[in-house]
C-alpha atoms as a PDB file:
ATOM      1  CA  UNK A   1       0.000   0.000   0.000  1.00  0.00           C
ATOM      2  CA  UNK A   2       2.779   2.413  -0.903  1.00  0.00           C
ATOM      3  CA  UNK A   3       1.611   5.987  -1.201  1.00  0.00           C
ATOM      4  CA  UNK A   4       1.131   7.815  -4.492  1.00  0.00           C
ATOM      5  CA  UNK A   5       2.401  11.162  -3.311  1.00  0.00           C
ATOM      6  CA  UNK A   6       5.774  12.643  -2.423  1.00  0.00           C
ATOM      7  CA  UNK A   7       6.398  14.346   0.909  1.00  0.00           C
ATOM      8  CA  UNK A   8       6.162  17.743  -0.792  1.00  0.00           C
ATOM      9  CA  UNK A   9       2.751  16.817  -2.207  1.00  0.00           C
ATOM     10  CA  UNK A  10       1.572  15.603   1.198  1.00  0.00           C
ATOM     11  CA  UNK A  11       2.723  18.959   2.590  1.00  0.00           C
ATOM     12  CA  UNK A  12       0.519  20.756   0.063  1.00  0.00           C
ATOM     13  CA  UNK A  13      -2.505  18.657   1.002  1.00  0.00           C
ATOM     14  CA  UNK A  14      -1.897  19.535   4.650  1.00  0.00           C
ATOM     15  CA  UNK A  15      -1.677  23.213   3.691  1.00  0.00           C
ATOM     16  CA  UNK A  16      -5.020  22.922   1.878  1.00  0.00           C
ATOM     17  CA  UNK A  17      -6.558  21.238   4.920  1.00  0.00           C
ATOM     18  CA  UNK A  18      -5.174  23.817   7.335  1.00  0.00           C
ATOM     19  CA  UNK A  19      -6.419  26.743   5.238  1.00  0.00           C
ATOM     20  CA  UNK A  20      -9.738  25.419   3.925  1.00  0.00           C
ATOM     21  CA  UNK A  21     -10.632  22.729   6.509  1.00  0.00           C
ATOM     22  CA  UNK A  22     -10.454  19.994   3.881  1.00  0.00           C
ATOM     23  CA  UNK A  23      -8.410  18.545   1.050  1.00  0.00           C
ATOM     24  CA  UNK A  24      -9.327  16.184  -1.767  1.00  0.00           C
ATOM     25  CA  UNK A  25      -7.284  13.305  -3.160  1.00  0.00           C
ATOM     26  CA  UNK A  26      -8.644  12.600  -6.615  1.00  0.00           C
ATOM     27  CA  UNK A  27      -9.015   8.991  -7.802  1.00  0.00           C
ATOM     28  CA  UNK A  28      -7.290   7.682  -4.701  1.00  0.00           C
ATOM     29  CA  UNK A  29      -9.322   4.485  -4.294  1.00  0.00           C
ATOM     30  CA  UNK A  30      -9.752   1.639  -6.814  1.00  0.00           C
ATOM     31  CA  UNK A  31     -13.055   1.796  -8.684  1.00  0.00           C
ATOM     32  CA  UNK A  32     -13.443  -1.991  -8.765  1.00  0.00           C
ATOM     33  CA  UNK A  33     -13.307  -2.059  -4.961  1.00  0.00           C
ATOM     34  CA  UNK A  34     -15.735   0.869  -4.717  1.00  0.00           C
ATOM     35  CA  UNK A  35     -18.195  -1.134  -6.819  1.00  0.00           C
ATOM     36  CA  UNK A  36     -17.870  -4.048  -4.368  1.00  0.00           C
ATOM     37  CA  UNK A  37     -18.721  -1.702  -1.517  1.00  0.00           C
ATOM     38  CA  UNK A  38     -21.686  -0.338  -3.448  1.00  0.00           C
ATOM     39  CA  UNK A  39     -23.118  -3.804  -4.097  1.00  0.00           C
ATOM     40  CA  UNK A  40     -22.641  -4.831  -0.460  1.00  0.00           C
ATOM     41  CA  UNK A  41     -24.093  -1.566   0.834  1.00  0.00           C
ATOM     42  CA  UNK A  42     -27.384  -1.666  -1.063  1.00  0.00           C
ATOM     43  CA  UNK A  43     -29.003  -4.450   1.033  1.00  0.00           C
ATOM     44  CA  UNK A  44     -27.692  -2.863   4.248  1.00  0.00           C
ATOM     45  CA  UNK A  45     -29.416   0.394   3.361  1.00  0.00           C
ATOM     46  CA  UNK A  46     -32.669  -1.338   2.485  1.00  0.00           C
ATOM     47  CA  UNK A  47     -32.667  -3.310   5.743  1.00  0.00           C
ATOM     48  CA  UNK A  48     -31.983  -0.130   7.661  1.00  0.00           C
ATOM     49  CA  UNK A  49     -34.858   1.720   5.958  1.00  0.00           C
ATOM     50  CA  UNK A  50     -37.263  -1.133   6.677  1.00  0.00           C
ATOM     51  CA  UNK A  51     -36.061  -1.672  10.245  1.00  0.00           C
ATOM     52  CA  UNK A  52     -35.486   1.939  11.290  1.00  0.00           C
ATOM     53  CA  UNK A  53     -37.434   3.921   8.739  1.00  0.00           C
ATOM     54  CA  UNK A  54     -38.835   6.241  11.392  1.00  0.00           C
ATOM     55  CA  UNK A  55     -35.331   7.063  12.608  1.00  0.00           C
ATOM     56  CA  UNK A  56     -34.331   9.699  10.084  1.00  0.00           C
ATOM     57  CA  UNK A  57     -32.304  11.779  12.504  1.00  0.00           C
ATOM     58  CA  UNK A  58     -30.100  13.179   9.717  1.00  0.00           C
ATOM     59  CA  UNK A  59     -33.153  14.715   8.063  1.00  0.00           C
ATOM     60  CA  UNK A  60     -36.042  13.489   5.935  1.00  0.00           C
ATOM     61  CA  UNK A  61     -35.138  10.605   3.606  1.00  0.00           C
ATOM     62  CA  UNK A  62     -31.526  10.706   4.819  1.00  0.00           C
ATOM     63  CA  UNK A  63     -30.029   7.692   6.567  1.00  0.00           C
ATOM     64  CA  UNK A  64     -26.971   7.171   8.748  1.00  0.00           C
ATOM     65  CA  UNK A  65     -25.932   3.512   8.551  1.00  0.00           C
ATOM     66  CA  UNK A  66     -23.044   2.022  10.517  1.00  0.00           C
ATOM     67  CA  UNK A  67     -21.104  -0.473   8.412  1.00  0.00           C
ATOM     68  CA  UNK A  68     -20.059  -3.890   9.729  1.00  0.00           C
ATOM     69  CA  UNK A  69     -16.306  -4.365  10.011  1.00  0.00           C
ATOM     70  CA  UNK A  70     -16.364  -7.349   7.659  1.00  0.00           C
ATOM     71  CA  UNK A  71     -15.515  -7.830   3.983  1.00  0.00           C
ATOM     72  CA  UNK A  72     -15.636  -5.760   1.868  1.00  0.00           C
ATOM     73  CA  UNK A  73     -15.859  -2.932   4.420  1.00  0.00           C
ATOM     74  CA  UNK A  74     -12.870  -4.193   6.435  1.00  0.00           C
ATOM     75  CA  UNK A  75     -10.509  -3.905   3.467  1.00  0.00           C
ATOM     76  CA  UNK A  76      -7.323  -2.195   4.772  1.00  0.00           C
ATOM     77  CA  UNK A  77      -6.850  -0.627   1.328  1.00  0.00           C
ATOM     78  CA  UNK A  78      -9.460   1.894   2.477  1.00  0.00           C
ATOM     79  CA  UNK A  79      -8.736   2.572   6.148  1.00  0.00           C
ATOM     80  CA  UNK A  80      -4.945   2.098   5.941  1.00  0.00           C
ATOM     81  CA  UNK A  81      -4.308   4.141   2.814  1.00  0.00           C
ATOM     82  CA  UNK A  82      -0.756   5.469   3.250  1.00  0.00           C
ATOM     83  CA  UNK A  83      -1.424   8.906   1.774  1.00  0.00           C
ATOM     84  CA  UNK A  84      -4.593   9.443   3.786  1.00  0.00           C
ATOM     85  CA  UNK A  85      -2.940   8.329   7.013  1.00  0.00           C
ATOM     86  CA  UNK A  86       0.078  10.550   6.375  1.00  0.00           C
ATOM     87  CA  UNK A  87      -2.257  13.557   6.192  1.00  0.00           C
ATOM     88  CA  UNK A  88      -4.349  12.428   9.173  1.00  0.00           C
ATOM     89  CA  UNK A  89      -1.237  12.031  11.314  1.00  0.00           C
ATOM     90  CA  UNK A  90      -0.019  15.497  10.375  1.00  0.00           C
ATOM     91  CA  UNK A  91      -3.297  17.116  11.467  1.00  0.00           C
ATOM     92  CA  UNK A  92      -4.364  14.805  14.322  1.00  0.00           C
ATOM     93  CA  UNK A  93      -0.998  13.832  15.754  1.00  0.00           C
ATOM     94  CA  UNK A  94       0.772  10.554  16.344  1.00  0.00           C
ATOM     95  CA  UNK A  95      -1.124   7.692  17.922  1.00  0.00           C
ATOM     96  CA  UNK A  96      -4.484   8.749  16.439  1.00  0.00           C
ATOM     97  CA  UNK A  97      -7.351   6.267  16.571  1.00  0.00           C
ATOM     98  CA  UNK A  98      -9.938   5.064  14.070  1.00  0.00           C
ATOM     99  CA  UNK A  99     -13.358   5.281  15.697  1.00  0.00           C
ATOM    100  CA  UNK A 100     -16.037   5.326  13.000  1.00  0.00           C
ATOM    101  CA  UNK A 101     -17.040   3.377   9.889  1.00  0.00           C
ATOM    102  CA  UNK A 102     -20.416   4.487   8.616  1.00  0.00           C
ATOM    103  CA  UNK A 103     -22.370   6.127   5.798  1.00  0.00           C
ATOM    104  CA  UNK A 104     -24.711   9.022   5.096  1.00  0.00           C
ATOM    105  CA  UNK A 105     -27.199   8.517   2.279  1.00  0.00           C
ATOM    106  CA  UNK A 106     -29.862  10.940   1.051  1.00  0.00           C
ATOM    107  CA  UNK A 107     -32.703   9.588  -1.110  1.00  0.00           C
ATOM    108  CA  UNK A 108     -35.292  11.390  -3.200  1.00  0.00           C
ATOM    109  CA  UNK A 109     -37.377  13.365  -0.729  1.00  0.00           C
ATOM    110  CA  UNK A 110     -34.374  14.535   1.281  1.00  0.00           C
ATOM    111  CA  UNK A 111     -34.015  18.215   2.053  1.00  0.00           C
ATOM    112  CA  UNK A 112     -31.389  20.768   3.035  1.00  0.00           C
ATOM    113  CA  UNK A 113     -29.922  20.128   6.442  1.00  0.00           C
ATOM    114  CA  UNK A 114     -29.452  23.050   8.773  1.00  0.00           C
ATOM    115  CA  UNK A 115     -25.951  24.484   8.715  1.00  0.00           C
ATOM    116  CA  UNK A 116     -23.968  22.690  11.380  1.00  0.00           C
ATOM    117  CA  UNK A 117     -20.696  21.279  12.611  1.00  0.00           C
ATOM    118  CA  UNK A 118     -20.177  17.634  13.529  1.00  0.00           C
ATOM    119  CA  UNK A 119     -18.515  18.323  16.891  1.00  0.00           C
ATOM    120  CA  UNK A 120     -18.654  21.052  19.512  1.00  0.00           C
ATOM    121  CA  UNK A 121     -15.533  23.023  20.477  1.00  0.00           C
ATOM    122  CA  UNK A 122     -13.341  21.362  23.075  1.00  0.00           C
ATOM    123  CA  UNK A 123     -13.389  24.438  25.329  1.00  0.00           C
ATOM    124  CA  UNK A 124     -16.429  26.601  24.523  1.00  0.00           C
ATOM    125  CA  UNK A 125     -15.653  28.992  27.372  1.00  0.00           C
ATOM    126  CA  UNK A 126     -12.309  29.854  25.729  1.00  0.00           C
ATOM    127  CA  UNK A 127     -13.954  31.568  22.761  1.00  0.00           C
ATOM    128  CA  UNK A 128     -11.360  30.291  20.301  1.00  0.00           C
ATOM    129  CA  UNK A 129     -10.853  27.121  18.328  1.00  0.00           C
ATOM    130  CA  UNK A 130      -8.082  24.591  18.899  1.00  0.00           C
ATOM    131  CA  UNK A 131      -6.038  22.681  16.343  1.00  0.00           C
ATOM    132  CA  UNK A 132      -7.817  19.744  14.694  1.00  0.00           C
ATOM    133  CA  UNK A 133      -8.827  16.896  16.965  1.00  0.00           C
ATOM    134  CA  UNK A 134     -11.333  14.866  14.914  1.00  0.00           C
ATOM    135  CA  UNK A 135     -11.038  14.062  11.225  1.00  0.00           C
ATOM    136  CA  UNK A 136     -13.605  12.638   8.800  1.00  0.00           C
ATOM    137  CA  UNK A 137     -12.385  10.803   5.721  1.00  0.00           C
ATOM    138  CA  UNK A 138     -15.238  10.728   3.205  1.00  0.00           C
ATOM    139  CA  UNK A 139     -15.570   8.928  -0.100  1.00  0.00           C
ATOM    140  CA  UNK A 140     -18.703   8.352  -2.196  1.00  0.00           C
ATOM    141  CA  UNK A 141     -19.819   5.036  -3.676  1.00  0.00           C
ATOM    142  CA  UNK A 142     -21.232   6.885  -6.717  1.00  0.00           C
ATOM    143  CA  UNK A 143     -20.310  10.108  -8.478  1.00  0.00           C
ATOM    144  CA  UNK A 144     -21.596  13.118  -6.533  1.00  0.00           C
ATOM    145  CA  UNK A 145     -23.330  15.608  -8.815  1.00  0.00           C
ATOM    146  CA  UNK A 146     -25.296  18.820  -8.405  1.00  0.00           C
ATOM    147  CA  UNK A 147     -28.489  16.730  -8.597  1.00  0.00           C
ATOM    148  CA  UNK A 148     -27.935  13.880  -6.151  1.00  0.00           C
ATOM    149  CA  UNK A 149     -27.289  15.725  -2.900  1.00  0.00           C
ATOM    150  CA  UNK A 150     -23.759  17.113  -2.743  1.00  0.00           C
ATOM    151  CA  UNK A 151     -22.211  18.051   0.566  1.00  0.00           C
ATOM    152  CA  UNK A 152     -21.897  21.844   0.907  1.00  0.00           C
ATOM    153  CA  UNK A 153     -19.135  23.444   2.963  1.00  0.00           C
ATOM    154  CA  UNK A 154     -17.920  26.897   3.964  1.00  0.00           C
ATOM    155  CA  UNK A 155     -14.155  26.938   3.668  1.00  0.00           C
ATOM    156  CA  UNK A 156     -12.004  27.901   6.627  1.00  0.00           C
ATOM    157  CA  UNK A 157     -14.744  27.900   9.246  1.00  0.00           C
ATOM    158  CA  UNK A 158     -13.128  25.119  11.296  1.00  0.00           C
ATOM    159  CA  UNK A 159     -10.958  27.717  13.055  1.00  0.00           C
ATOM    160  CA  UNK A 160     -13.796  30.180  13.741  1.00  0.00           C
ATOM    161  CA  UNK A 161     -16.376  30.047  16.472  1.00  0.00           C
ATOM    162  CA  UNK A 162     -19.737  29.027  15.080  1.00  0.00           C
ATOM    163  CA  UNK A 163     -21.142  32.456  15.985  1.00  0.00           C
ATOM    164  CA  UNK A 164     -18.482  34.292  13.984  1.00  0.00           C
ATOM    165  CA  UNK A 165     -18.780  31.874  11.062  1.00  0.00           C
ATOM    166  CA  UNK A 166     -22.557  32.236  10.884  1.00  0.00           C
ATOM    167  CA  UNK A 167     -22.316  36.035  11.046  1.00  0.00           C
ATOM    168  CA  UNK A 168     -19.893  36.025   8.108  1.00  0.00           C
ATOM    169  CA  UNK A 169     -22.150  33.679   6.134  1.00  0.00           C
ATOM    170  CA  UNK A 170     -25.228  35.826   6.802  1.00  0.00           C
ATOM    171  CA  UNK A 171     -23.287  38.942   5.771  1.00  0.00           C
ATOM    172  CA  UNK A 172     -22.265  37.315   2.492  1.00  0.00           C
ATOM    173  CA  UNK A 173     -18.560  37.372   3.401  1.00  0.00           C
ATOM    174  CA  UNK A 174     -18.373  33.571   3.292  1.00  0.00           C
ATOM    175  CA  UNK A 175     -20.310  31.282   0.970  1.00  0.00           C
ATOM    176  CA  UNK A 176     -21.406  27.699   0.793  1.00  0.00           C
ATOM    177  CA  UNK A 177     -20.013  25.657  -2.060  1.00  0.00           C
ATOM    178  CA  UNK A 178     -20.879  22.130  -3.190  1.00  0.00           C
ATOM    179  CA  UNK A 179     -18.168  19.472  -3.090  1.00  0.00           C
ATOM    180  CA  UNK A 180     -18.500  17.367  -6.230  1.00  0.00           C
ATOM    181  CA  UNK A 181     -16.651  14.067  -6.066  1.00  0.00           C
ATOM    182  CA  UNK A 182     -16.166  11.119  -8.390  1.00  0.00           C
ATOM    183  CA  UNK A 183     -16.254   7.558  -7.127  1.00  0.00           C
ATOM    184  CA  UNK A 184     -12.656   6.923  -6.061  1.00  0.00           C
ATOM    185  CA  UNK A 185     -12.073  10.456  -4.757  1.00  0.00           C
ATOM    186  CA  UNK A 186     -11.345  11.001  -1.063  1.00  0.00           C
ATOM    187  CA  UNK A 187     -12.093  14.093   1.012  1.00  0.00           C
ATOM    188  CA  UNK A 188     -10.280  14.575   4.334  1.00  0.00           C
ATOM    189  CA  UNK A 189     -11.977  17.213   6.502  1.00  0.00           C
ATOM    190  CA  UNK A 190     -12.090  18.788   9.923  1.00  0.00           C
ATOM    191  CA  UNK A 191     -15.553  18.000  11.313  1.00  0.00           C
ATOM    192  CA  UNK A 192     -15.935  21.498  12.775  1.00  0.00           C
ATOM    193  CA  UNK A 193     -16.367  23.395   9.523  1.00  0.00           C
ATOM    194  CA  UNK A 194     -19.829  24.728   8.729  1.00  0.00           C
ATOM    195  CA  UNK A 195     -21.563  22.425   6.252  1.00  0.00           C
ATOM    196  CA  UNK A 196     -24.838  20.758   5.313  1.00  0.00           C
ATOM    197  CA  UNK A 197     -26.287  17.980   3.222  1.00  0.00           C
ATOM    198  CA  UNK A 198     -28.476  18.938   0.254  1.00  0.00           C
ATOM    199  CA  UNK A 199     -31.485  17.287  -1.436  1.00  0.00           C
ATOM    200  CA  UNK A 200     -31.058  14.249  -3.636  1.00  0.00           C
ATOM    201  CA  UNK A 201     -33.303  14.988  -6.608  1.00  0.00           C
ATOM    202  CA  UNK A 202     -32.630  11.680  -8.373  1.00  0.00           C
ATOM    203  CA  UNK A 203     -34.099   8.211  -7.941  1.00  0.00           C
ATOM    204  CA  UNK A 204     -30.756   6.673  -6.926  1.00  0.00           C
ATOM    205  CA  UNK A 205     -29.266   6.775  -3.405  1.00  0.00           C
ATOM    206  CA  UNK A 206     -26.097   8.815  -2.915  1.00  0.00           C
ATOM    207  CA  UNK A 207     -24.031   6.911  -0.303  1.00  0.00           C
ATOM    208  CA  UNK A 208     -21.124   8.767   1.288  1.00  0.00           C
ATOM    209  CA  UNK A 209     -18.801   6.725   3.483  1.00  0.00           C
ATOM    210  CA  UNK A 210     -17.167   8.211   6.552  1.00  0.00           C
ATOM    211  CA  UNK A 211     -14.128   6.802   8.329  1.00  0.00           C
ATOM    212  CA  UNK A 212     -13.521   8.765  11.509  1.00  0.00           C
ATOM    213  CA  UNK A 213     -10.113   9.329  13.073  1.00  0.00           C
ATOM    214  CA  UNK A 214      -9.470  11.097  16.383  1.00  0.00           C
ATOM    215  CA  UNK A 215      -6.549  12.310  18.440  1.00  0.00           C
ATOM    216  CA  UNK A 216      -5.300   9.616  20.792  1.00  0.00           C
ATOM    217  CA  UNK A 217      -6.815  11.212  23.909  1.00  0.00           C
ATOM    218  CA  UNK A 218     -10.294  11.856  22.487  1.00  0.00           C
ATOM    219  CA  UNK A 219     -13.156   9.451  23.140  1.00  0.00           C
ATOM    220  CA  UNK A 220     -16.726  10.000  21.998  1.00  0.00           C
ATOM    221  CA  UNK A 221     -18.544   6.994  23.496  1.00  0.00           C
ATOM    222  CA  UNK A 222     -21.609   7.432  21.292  1.00  0.00           C
ATOM    223  CA  UNK A 223     -19.710   6.106  18.267  1.00  0.00           C
ATOM    224  CA  UNK A 224     -17.367   3.153  17.829  1.00  0.00           C
ATOM    225  CA  UNK A 225     -16.596   0.170  15.596  1.00  0.00           C
ATOM    226  CA  UNK A 226     -17.286  -3.397  16.709  1.00  0.00           C
ATOM    227  CA  UNK A 227     -14.345  -5.495  15.506  1.00  0.00           C
ATOM    228  CA  UNK A 228     -14.980  -9.219  14.925  1.00  0.00           C
ATOM    229  CA  UNK A 229     -12.202 -11.212  16.553  1.00  0.00           C
ATOM    230  CA  UNK A 230     -11.311 -12.872  13.250  1.00  0.00           C
ATOM    231  CA  UNK A 231     -10.783  -9.442  11.675  1.00  0.00           C
ATOM    232  CA  UNK A 232      -8.744  -8.283  14.654  1.00  0.00           C
ATOM    233  CA  UNK A 233      -6.446 -11.292  14.437  1.00  0.00           C
ATOM    234  CA  UNK A 234      -5.689 -10.714  10.742  1.00  0.00           C
ATOM    235  CA  UNK A 235      -5.217  -6.945  11.089  1.00  0.00           C
ATOM    236  CA  UNK A 236      -1.778  -5.358  10.761  1.00  0.00           C
ATOM    237  CA  UNK A 237      -0.019  -3.952  13.821  1.00  0.00           C
ATOM    238  CA  UNK A 238      -0.697  -0.443  12.505  1.00  0.00           C
ATOM    239  CA  UNK A 239      -4.397  -1.249  12.189  1.00  0.00           C
ATOM    240  CA  UNK A 240      -4.541  -2.704  15.713  1.00  0.00           C
ATOM    241  CA  UNK A 241      -2.956   0.457  17.055  1.00  0.00           C
ATOM    242  CA  UNK A 242      -5.550   2.624  15.280  1.00  0.00           C
ATOM    243  CA  UNK A 243      -8.467   0.404  16.305  1.00  0.00           C
ATOM    244  CA  UNK A 244      -7.349  -0.145  19.910  1.00  0.00           C
ATOM    245  CA  UNK A 245     -10.203   1.779  21.563  1.00  0.00           C
ATOM    246  CA  UNK A 246     -12.944  -0.260  19.862  1.00  0.00           C
ATOM    247  CA  UNK A 247     -14.595  -3.397  21.269  1.00  0.00           C
ATOM    248  CA  UNK A 248     -13.448  -6.755  19.877  1.00  0.00           C
ATOM    249  CA  UNK A 249     -16.415  -9.150  19.697  1.00  0.00           C
ATOM    250  CA  UNK A 250     -16.841 -12.808  18.886  1.00  0.00           C
ATOM    251  CA  UNK A 251     -19.866 -12.161  16.687  1.00  0.00           C
ATOM    252  CA  UNK A 252     -21.715  -9.260  15.086  1.00  0.00           C
ATOM    253  CA  UNK A 253     -25.010 -11.149  15.309  1.00  0.00           C
ATOM    254  CA  UNK A 254     -26.033  -9.540  18.585  1.00  0.00           C
ATOM    255  CA  UNK A 255     -27.543  -6.086  18.179  1.00  0.00           C
ATOM    256  CA  UNK A 256     -25.250  -3.249  19.192  1.00  0.00           C
ATOM    257  CA  UNK A 257     -27.066  -1.308  21.900  1.00  0.00           C
ATOM    258  CA  UNK A 258     -24.071   0.820  22.851  1.00  0.00           C
ATOM    259  CA  UNK A 259     -23.800   2.982  19.755  1.00  0.00           C
ATOM    260  CA  UNK A 260     -26.283   5.812  20.086  1.00  0.00           C
ATOM    261  CA  UNK A 261     -24.914   8.349  17.621  1.00  0.00           C
ATOM    262  CA  UNK A 262     -28.028  10.488  17.384  1.00  0.00           C
ATOM    263  CA  UNK A 263     -26.728  13.964  18.215  1.00  0.00           C
ATOM    264  CA  UNK A 264     -24.571  14.948  15.263  1.00  0.00           C
ATOM    265  CA  UNK A 265     -25.201  18.658  14.612  1.00  0.00           C
ATOM    266  CA  UNK A 266     -23.546  21.388  16.654  1.00  0.00           C
END
């Protein structure tokens, strides 16, 4: 899994992230593998809609689905990508952990989400933002277009208080922009920037995968990954280090009652 990019190129991605709150690695993931994920995801989404159709806490016709840490979703080509991890380590520090493997999917009938951040500030009484502490790595399973519900973001707002950011948006000083991605592209972002999901106006779901990484001292107990023991035993030492805060289980058959990731907008 040797990286594609030189150290100088990684430096530029980190500069983009630091300035804008995100960077994009184009065609980073193999399309054939993305198609495997797409085929495996479709029945998971349908089961989730049938079983939890009333639980649309991300907005109407928009579903958050945790993915099982089994093939194809446990493929280290995705969560151990050398280029992605090089950037994550630069912005989240050594010893970071992997804490989330999930998806956000709007269907026809979805709407604009309210502008929000995915995490509150660490020290709200301080009135200033800290360096990055939680990173989302997103990649779509289909091309993201203007029609199928692109993610919209306001650049640079990860280092502003939400109050200041919203004032600048309302004054027209800062603007929302859609992030259009092709299948295979990867976006690495600070979860604190102001953003929202938009309506999917097509008849096809628009699944966006999220792999969450955090600084080594941060624990959000409402979200985690259940690791089957067989997957843990075959994982690399680097993977075990990243996954060390997650529960290792003998079976995924029992329903996970511990993950209660309902509050997502701050």
